[in-house]
Amino acid sequence: MKSDFKKLIATYSAKHGQFSVVTVPTLQFLMIDGHGDPNTAQSYKDALTTLYPVAYKLKFFSKAELGQDYGVMPLEALWWSDDMESFTSARDKSRWDWTLLNMVPDWITQEHMEMVRQVVAKKGEAPALESLRLEPLEEGLSVQTLHIGPYDHEGPVLEEMHNNFIPEQSLSMTGRHHEIYLGDPRRTAPEKLKTILRQPVSQNTK
């Protein structure tokens, strides 16, 4: 059977127009770090060009060699900046730091990763391959919602999440802003793009 983790993991679903407090399980990801405007930075383009060849090679390896098939997961990213207002009101993308993510199942090991890395390296089409790593991400308690529309329209939603909903629930922001891209901007009109917006939080203590 082919595993569909978007359906198996509850936190890959969120409701539009509603903030939910969830507990995200610890998951394993392919990761590449970078800095700068995702629309113009060469490092972002190189990261994308690297991430998916490895993700698909791992999927094919898992199916053929391990007997466990799964669907390649959507692109995700962690975003942060020294000034978090650059995500909300200012939206100054040149100041953003990021980590591109692609979730892979926990039966994929570092050894599998290195085997696939060597195969991809021989083709010479993955410019950020040396920067790619396989690591767990532990977010735990988080607030998330589904945003529908252009990425640049996320600002008011994030302001509401950060400045109103989270403090009203006696929570504090921890960790990094997380986005899960359920739509492909190359094939989907901007107004129809679906993105899960997530913020790890902690419970305030009295």
C-alpha atoms as a PDB file:
ATOM      1  CA  MET A   1       0.000   0.000   0.000  1.00  0.00           C
ATOM      2  CA  LYS A   2       1.040   3.591  -0.675  1.00  0.00           C
ATOM      3  CA  SER A   3       1.079   5.800   2.426  1.00  0.00           C
ATOM      4  CA  ASP A   4      -0.488   9.248   2.100  1.00  0.00           C
ATOM      5  CA  PHE A   5       0.910  11.178   5.056  1.00  0.00           C
ATOM      6  CA  LYS A   6      -1.187  14.256   4.249  1.00  0.00           C
ATOM      7  CA  LYS A   7      -4.158  12.132   5.341  1.00  0.00           C
ATOM      8  CA  LEU A   8      -2.415  10.084   8.024  1.00  0.00           C
ATOM      9  CA  ILE A   9      -0.995  13.066   9.941  1.00  0.00           C
ATOM     10  CA  ALA A  10      -3.826  15.251  11.259  1.00  0.00           C
ATOM     11  CA  THR A  11      -1.768  18.460  11.374  1.00  0.00           C
ATOM     12  CA  TYR A  12      -1.493  18.501   7.565  1.00  0.00           C
ATOM     13  CA  SER A  13      -5.087  19.728   7.625  1.00  0.00           C
ATOM     14  CA  ALA A  14      -6.348  23.124   8.832  1.00  0.00           C
ATOM     15  CA  LYS A  15      -9.517  25.195   8.558  1.00  0.00           C
ATOM     16  CA  HIS A  16      -9.799  28.437   6.636  1.00  0.00           C
ATOM     17  CA  GLY A  17     -10.799  31.416   8.786  1.00  0.00           C
ATOM     18  CA  GLN A  18     -10.209  29.550  12.031  1.00  0.00           C
ATOM     19  CA  PHE A  19      -7.186  29.298  14.325  1.00  0.00           C
ATOM     20  CA  SER A  20      -6.660  25.903  15.962  1.00  0.00           C
ATOM     21  CA  VAL A  21      -4.374  24.853  18.782  1.00  0.00           C
ATOM     22  CA  VAL A  22      -2.777  21.523  17.789  1.00  0.00           C
ATOM     23  CA  THR A  23       0.031  19.234  18.866  1.00  0.00           C
ATOM     24  CA  VAL A  24       2.383  18.504  15.993  1.00  0.00           C
ATOM     25  CA  PRO A  25       4.220  15.162  16.149  1.00  0.00           C
ATOM     26  CA  THR A  26       7.982  15.060  15.754  1.00  0.00           C
ATOM     27  CA  LEU A  27       8.621  14.476  12.039  1.00  0.00           C
ATOM     28  CA  GLN A  28      11.679  13.949   9.866  1.00  0.00           C
ATOM     29  CA  PHE A  29      12.573  16.343   7.051  1.00  0.00           C
ATOM     30  CA  LEU A  30      15.004  17.029   4.279  1.00  0.00           C
ATOM     31  CA  MET A  31      16.263  20.552   5.077  1.00  0.00           C
ATOM     32  CA  ILE A  32      18.195  23.316   3.327  1.00  0.00           C
ATOM     33  CA  ASP A  33      18.892  26.719   4.937  1.00  0.00           C
ATOM     34  CA  GLY A  34      19.126  30.056   3.169  1.00  0.00           C
ATOM     35  CA  HIS A  35      18.547  33.806   3.285  1.00  0.00           C
ATOM     36  CA  GLY A  36      16.822  36.417   1.166  1.00  0.00           C
ATOM     37  CA  ASP A  37      13.801  37.072  -1.012  1.00  0.00           C
ATOM     38  CA  PRO A  38      12.438  33.723  -2.276  1.00  0.00           C
ATOM     39  CA  ASN A  39      11.390  35.436  -5.506  1.00  0.00           C
ATOM     40  CA  THR A  40      14.896  36.606  -6.399  1.00  0.00           C
ATOM     41  CA  ALA A  41      17.540  34.830  -4.278  1.00  0.00           C
ATOM     42  CA  GLN A  42      19.608  32.318  -6.239  1.00  0.00           C
ATOM     43  CA  SER A  43      20.076  30.313  -3.046  1.00  0.00           C
ATOM     44  CA  TYR A  44      16.303  29.730  -2.864  1.00  0.00           C
ATOM     45  CA  LYS A  45      16.189  28.537  -6.478  1.00  0.00           C
ATOM     46  CA  ASP A  46      19.174  26.239  -5.848  1.00  0.00           C
ATOM     47  CA  ALA A  47      17.509  24.813  -2.738  1.00  0.00           C
ATOM     48  CA  LEU A  48      14.323  23.989  -4.632  1.00  0.00           C
ATOM     49  CA  THR A  49      16.302  22.485  -7.501  1.00  0.00           C
ATOM     50  CA  THR A  50      18.068  20.232  -5.014  1.00  0.00           C
ATOM     51  CA  LEU A  51      15.259  19.265  -2.655  1.00  0.00           C
ATOM     52  CA  TYR A  52      12.894  17.507  -5.005  1.00  0.00           C
ATOM     53  CA  PRO A  53      15.336  15.290  -6.958  1.00  0.00           C
ATOM     54  CA  VAL A  54      16.445  13.870  -3.600  1.00  0.00           C
ATOM     55  CA  ALA A  55      12.866  13.577  -2.297  1.00  0.00           C
ATOM     56  CA  TYR A  56      11.753  11.591  -5.333  1.00  0.00           C
ATOM     57  CA  LYS A  57      14.860   9.394  -5.370  1.00  0.00           C
ATOM     58  CA  LEU A  58      14.212   8.536  -1.710  1.00  0.00           C
ATOM     59  CA  LYS A  59      10.596   7.675  -2.511  1.00  0.00           C
ATOM     60  CA  PHE A  60      11.619   5.375  -5.401  1.00  0.00           C
ATOM     61  CA  PHE A  61      14.364   3.804  -3.280  1.00  0.00           C
ATOM     62  CA  SER A  62      11.898   3.156  -0.454  1.00  0.00           C
ATOM     63  CA  LYS A  63       9.419   1.513  -2.782  1.00  0.00           C
ATOM     64  CA  ALA A  64      11.965  -0.636  -4.638  1.00  0.00           C
ATOM     65  CA  GLU A  65      14.397  -1.555  -1.860  1.00  0.00           C
ATOM     66  CA  LEU A  66      12.365  -1.300   1.346  1.00  0.00           C
ATOM     67  CA  GLY A  67       8.955  -2.328   0.019  1.00  0.00           C
ATOM     68  CA  GLN A  68       7.320   0.796   1.472  1.00  0.00           C
ATOM     69  CA  ASP A  69       5.752   3.287  -0.915  1.00  0.00           C
ATOM     70  CA  TYR A  70       4.561   6.790  -0.044  1.00  0.00           C
ATOM     71  CA  GLY A  71       3.541   9.996  -1.745  1.00  0.00           C
ATOM     72  CA  VAL A  72       6.138  12.751  -1.870  1.00  0.00           C
ATOM     73  CA  MET A  73       5.019  15.438   0.543  1.00  0.00           C
ATOM     74  CA  PRO A  74       4.400  19.121  -0.265  1.00  0.00           C
ATOM     75  CA  LEU A  75       7.012  21.824   0.062  1.00  0.00           C
ATOM     76  CA  GLU A  76       7.263  23.434   3.496  1.00  0.00           C
ATOM     77  CA  ALA A  77       9.388  26.219   4.917  1.00  0.00           C
ATOM     78  CA  LEU A  78      10.416  27.776   8.194  1.00  0.00           C
ATOM     79  CA  TRP A  79      10.746  31.572   8.063  1.00  0.00           C
ATOM     80  CA  TRP A  80      12.294  33.989  10.529  1.00  0.00           C
ATOM     81  CA  SER A  81      13.971  37.370  10.798  1.00  0.00           C
ATOM     82  CA  ASP A  82      15.590  39.556  13.432  1.00  0.00           C
ATOM     83  CA  ASP A  83      12.491  41.756  13.082  1.00  0.00           C
ATOM     84  CA  MET A  84       9.354  39.616  12.858  1.00  0.00           C
ATOM     85  CA  GLU A  85       7.365  42.596  11.566  1.00  0.00           C
ATOM     86  CA  SER A  86       9.066  41.923   8.248  1.00  0.00           C
ATOM     87  CA  PHE A  87       6.589  39.027   7.950  1.00  0.00           C
ATOM     88  CA  THR A  88       3.481  41.007   8.797  1.00  0.00           C
ATOM     89  CA  SER A  89       3.216  44.718   8.060  1.00  0.00           C
ATOM     90  CA  ALA A  90       6.522  45.384   6.288  1.00  0.00           C
ATOM     91  CA  ARG A  91       6.868  42.110   4.319  1.00  0.00           C
ATOM     92  CA  ASP A  92      10.517  42.929   3.614  1.00  0.00           C
ATOM     93  CA  LYS A  93      11.532  39.645   2.039  1.00  0.00           C
ATOM     94  CA  SER A  94      15.174  40.628   1.619  1.00  0.00           C
ATOM     95  CA  ARG A  95      15.511  40.324   5.419  1.00  0.00           C
ATOM     96  CA  TRP A  96      14.053  36.835   5.662  1.00  0.00           C
ATOM     97  CA  ASP A  97      15.938  33.703   6.678  1.00  0.00           C
ATOM     98  CA  TRP A  98      14.437  30.357   5.754  1.00  0.00           C
ATOM     99  CA  THR A  99      14.740  26.599   5.830  1.00  0.00           C
ATOM    100  CA  LEU A 100      13.081  24.684   3.025  1.00  0.00           C
ATOM    101  CA  LEU A 101      11.586  21.385   4.175  1.00  0.00           C
ATOM    102  CA  ASN A 102      10.252  18.170   2.722  1.00  0.00           C
ATOM    103  CA  MET A 103       8.889  15.553   5.124  1.00  0.00           C
ATOM    104  CA  VAL A 104      10.080  11.973   4.702  1.00  0.00           C
ATOM    105  CA  PRO A 105       8.951   8.920   6.730  1.00  0.00           C
ATOM    106  CA  ASP A 106      10.853   7.826   9.802  1.00  0.00           C
ATOM    107  CA  TRP A 107      11.989   4.580   8.176  1.00  0.00           C
ATOM    108  CA  ILE A 108      14.313   6.602   5.917  1.00  0.00           C
ATOM    109  CA  THR A 109      17.748   6.632   7.575  1.00  0.00           C
ATOM    110  CA  GLN A 110      20.899   8.715   7.245  1.00  0.00           C
ATOM    111  CA  GLU A 111      22.442   5.790   5.378  1.00  0.00           C
ATOM    112  CA  HIS A 112      19.613   5.827   2.841  1.00  0.00           C
ATOM    113  CA  MET A 113      20.027   9.578   2.523  1.00  0.00           C
ATOM    114  CA  GLU A 114      23.741   9.296   1.767  1.00  0.00           C
ATOM    115  CA  MET A 115      23.170   6.576  -0.836  1.00  0.00           C
ATOM    116  CA  VAL A 116      20.628   8.755  -2.627  1.00  0.00           C
ATOM    117  CA  ARG A 117      22.830  11.844  -2.297  1.00  0.00           C
ATOM    118  CA  GLN A 118      25.603  10.056  -4.184  1.00  0.00           C
ATOM    119  CA  VAL A 119      23.227   9.018  -6.977  1.00  0.00           C
ATOM    120  CA  VAL A 120      21.876  12.552  -7.375  1.00  0.00           C
ATOM    121  CA  ALA A 121      25.383  14.052  -7.228  1.00  0.00           C
ATOM    122  CA  LYS A 122      26.460  12.050 -10.285  1.00  0.00           C
ATOM    123  CA  LYS A 123      23.831  13.835 -12.384  1.00  0.00           C
ATOM    124  CA  GLY A 124      25.195  17.253 -11.394  1.00  0.00           C
ATOM    125  CA  GLU A 125      21.770  18.897 -11.275  1.00  0.00           C
ATOM    126  CA  ALA A 126      21.456  19.608  -7.542  1.00  0.00           C
ATOM    127  CA  PRO A 127      23.505  22.742  -6.775  1.00  0.00           C
ATOM    128  CA  ALA A 128      22.805  22.821  -3.015  1.00  0.00           C
ATOM    129  CA  LEU A 129      23.365  19.117  -2.394  1.00  0.00           C
ATOM    130  CA  GLU A 130      26.178  19.658   0.102  1.00  0.00           C
ATOM    131  CA  SER A 131      23.874  21.838   2.202  1.00  0.00           C
ATOM    132  CA  LEU A 132      21.062  19.287   2.315  1.00  0.00           C
ATOM    133  CA  ARG A 133      20.541  17.415   5.562  1.00  0.00           C
ATOM    134  CA  LEU A 134      18.074  14.969   7.139  1.00  0.00           C
ATOM    135  CA  GLU A 135      16.871  15.954  10.612  1.00  0.00           C
ATOM    136  CA  PRO A 136      13.849  15.653  12.924  1.00  0.00           C
ATOM    137  CA  LEU A 137      11.750  18.724  13.671  1.00  0.00           C
ATOM    138  CA  GLU A 138       9.990  18.905  17.026  1.00  0.00           C
ATOM    139  CA  GLU A 139       7.327  21.634  17.152  1.00  0.00           C
ATOM    140  CA  GLY A 140       4.760  20.252  19.598  1.00  0.00           C
ATOM    141  CA  LEU A 141       2.084  22.708  20.716  1.00  0.00           C
ATOM    142  CA  SER A 142       1.248  25.049  17.824  1.00  0.00           C
ATOM    143  CA  VAL A 143      -1.408  27.358  16.411  1.00  0.00           C
ATOM    144  CA  GLN A 144      -2.325  26.974  12.755  1.00  0.00           C
ATOM    145  CA  THR A 145      -4.845  28.033  10.150  1.00  0.00           C
ATOM    146  CA  LEU A 146      -5.456  27.630   6.422  1.00  0.00           C
ATOM    147  CA  HIS A 147      -4.767  30.698   4.302  1.00  0.00           C
ATOM    148  CA  ILE A 148      -6.378  30.833   0.864  1.00  0.00           C
ATOM    149  CA  GLY A 149      -4.960  33.405  -1.526  1.00  0.00           C
ATOM    150  CA  PRO A 150      -1.645  34.979  -2.556  1.00  0.00           C
ATOM    151  CA  TYR A 151       1.325  34.550  -0.254  1.00  0.00           C
ATOM    152  CA  ASP A 152       1.656  38.333   0.036  1.00  0.00           C
ATOM    153  CA  HIS A 153      -1.825  38.505   1.590  1.00  0.00           C
ATOM    154  CA  GLU A 154      -0.758  36.489   4.640  1.00  0.00           C
ATOM    155  CA  GLY A 155       0.251  39.565   6.647  1.00  0.00           C
ATOM    156  CA  PRO A 156      -3.149  40.401   8.235  1.00  0.00           C
ATOM    157  CA  VAL A 157      -3.739  36.733   9.105  1.00  0.00           C
ATOM    158  CA  LEU A 158      -0.364  36.520  10.839  1.00  0.00           C
ATOM    159  CA  GLU A 159      -0.965  39.782  12.677  1.00  0.00           C
ATOM    160  CA  GLU A 160      -4.259  38.403  13.996  1.00  0.00           C
ATOM    161  CA  MET A 161      -2.601  35.130  14.985  1.00  0.00           C
ATOM    162  CA  HIS A 162       0.449  36.696  16.645  1.00  0.00           C
ATOM    163  CA  ASN A 163      -1.088  39.741  18.292  1.00  0.00           C
ATOM    164  CA  ASN A 164      -4.585  38.586  19.199  1.00  0.00           C
ATOM    165  CA  PHE A 165      -5.332  34.859  19.129  1.00  0.00           C
ATOM    166  CA  ILE A 166      -2.095  33.588  20.682  1.00  0.00           C
ATOM    167  CA  PRO A 167      -2.037  35.978  23.685  1.00  0.00           C
ATOM    168  CA  GLU A 168      -5.805  35.564  24.200  1.00  0.00           C
ATOM    169  CA  GLN A 169      -5.193  31.825  24.646  1.00  0.00           C
ATOM    170  CA  SER A 170      -2.500  32.515  27.278  1.00  0.00           C
ATOM    171  CA  LEU A 171       0.149  31.304  24.843  1.00  0.00           C
ATOM    172  CA  SER A 172       3.535  32.675  23.780  1.00  0.00           C
ATOM    173  CA  MET A 173       5.260  32.237  20.437  1.00  0.00           C
ATOM    174  CA  THR A 174       8.232  29.880  20.331  1.00  0.00           C
ATOM    175  CA  GLY A 175      10.125  28.415  17.413  1.00  0.00           C
ATOM    176  CA  ARG A 176       9.833  29.614  13.839  1.00  0.00           C
ATOM    177  CA  HIS A 177       6.952  30.538  11.566  1.00  0.00           C
ATOM    178  CA  HIS A 178       6.078  27.465   9.478  1.00  0.00           C
ATOM    179  CA  GLU A 179       4.280  27.343   6.129  1.00  0.00           C
ATOM    180  CA  ILE A 180       3.005  24.243   4.305  1.00  0.00           C
ATOM    181  CA  TYR A 181       2.267  24.821   0.622  1.00  0.00           C
ATOM    182  CA  LEU A 182      -0.715  22.725  -0.435  1.00  0.00           C
ATOM    183  CA  GLY A 183      -0.917  24.401  -3.846  1.00  0.00           C
ATOM    184  CA  ASP A 184       1.583  24.699  -6.686  1.00  0.00           C
ATOM    185  CA  PRO A 185       2.015  28.384  -7.685  1.00  0.00           C
ATOM    186  CA  ARG A 186       3.080  27.266 -11.168  1.00  0.00           C
ATOM    187  CA  ARG A 187      -0.301  25.639 -11.776  1.00  0.00           C
ATOM    188  CA  THR A 188      -2.698  27.431  -9.410  1.00  0.00           C
ATOM    189  CA  ALA A 189      -4.120  30.942  -9.631  1.00  0.00           C
ATOM    190  CA  PRO A 190      -2.816  33.124  -6.752  1.00  0.00           C
ATOM    191  CA  GLU A 191      -6.294  33.621  -5.285  1.00  0.00           C
ATOM    192  CA  LYS A 192      -6.739  29.834  -5.006  1.00  0.00           C
ATOM    193  CA  LEU A 193      -3.432  28.940  -3.371  1.00  0.00           C
ATOM    194  CA  LYS A 194      -3.806  27.055  -0.085  1.00  0.00           C
ATOM    195  CA  THR A 195      -1.174  27.416   2.625  1.00  0.00           C
ATOM    196  CA  ILE A 196      -1.169  26.165   6.207  1.00  0.00           C
ATOM    197  CA  LEU A 197       0.281  28.869   8.461  1.00  0.00           C
ATOM    198  CA  ARG A 198       1.696  27.497  11.721  1.00  0.00           C
ATOM    199  CA  GLN A 199       3.305  29.046  14.768  1.00  0.00           C
ATOM    200  CA  PRO A 200       4.783  26.905  17.562  1.00  0.00           C
ATOM    201  CA  VAL A 201       3.739  28.160  20.994  1.00  0.00           C
ATOM    202  CA  SER A 202       4.104  27.454  24.690  1.00  0.00           C
ATOM    203  CA  GLN A 203       1.575  27.730  27.500  1.00  0.00           C
ATOM    204  CA  ASN A 204       2.123  30.742  29.732  1.00  0.00           C
ATOM    205  CA  THR A 205       2.688  29.907  33.386  1.00  0.00           C
ATOM    206  CA  LYS A 206       1.138  32.070  36.074  1.00  0.00           C
END
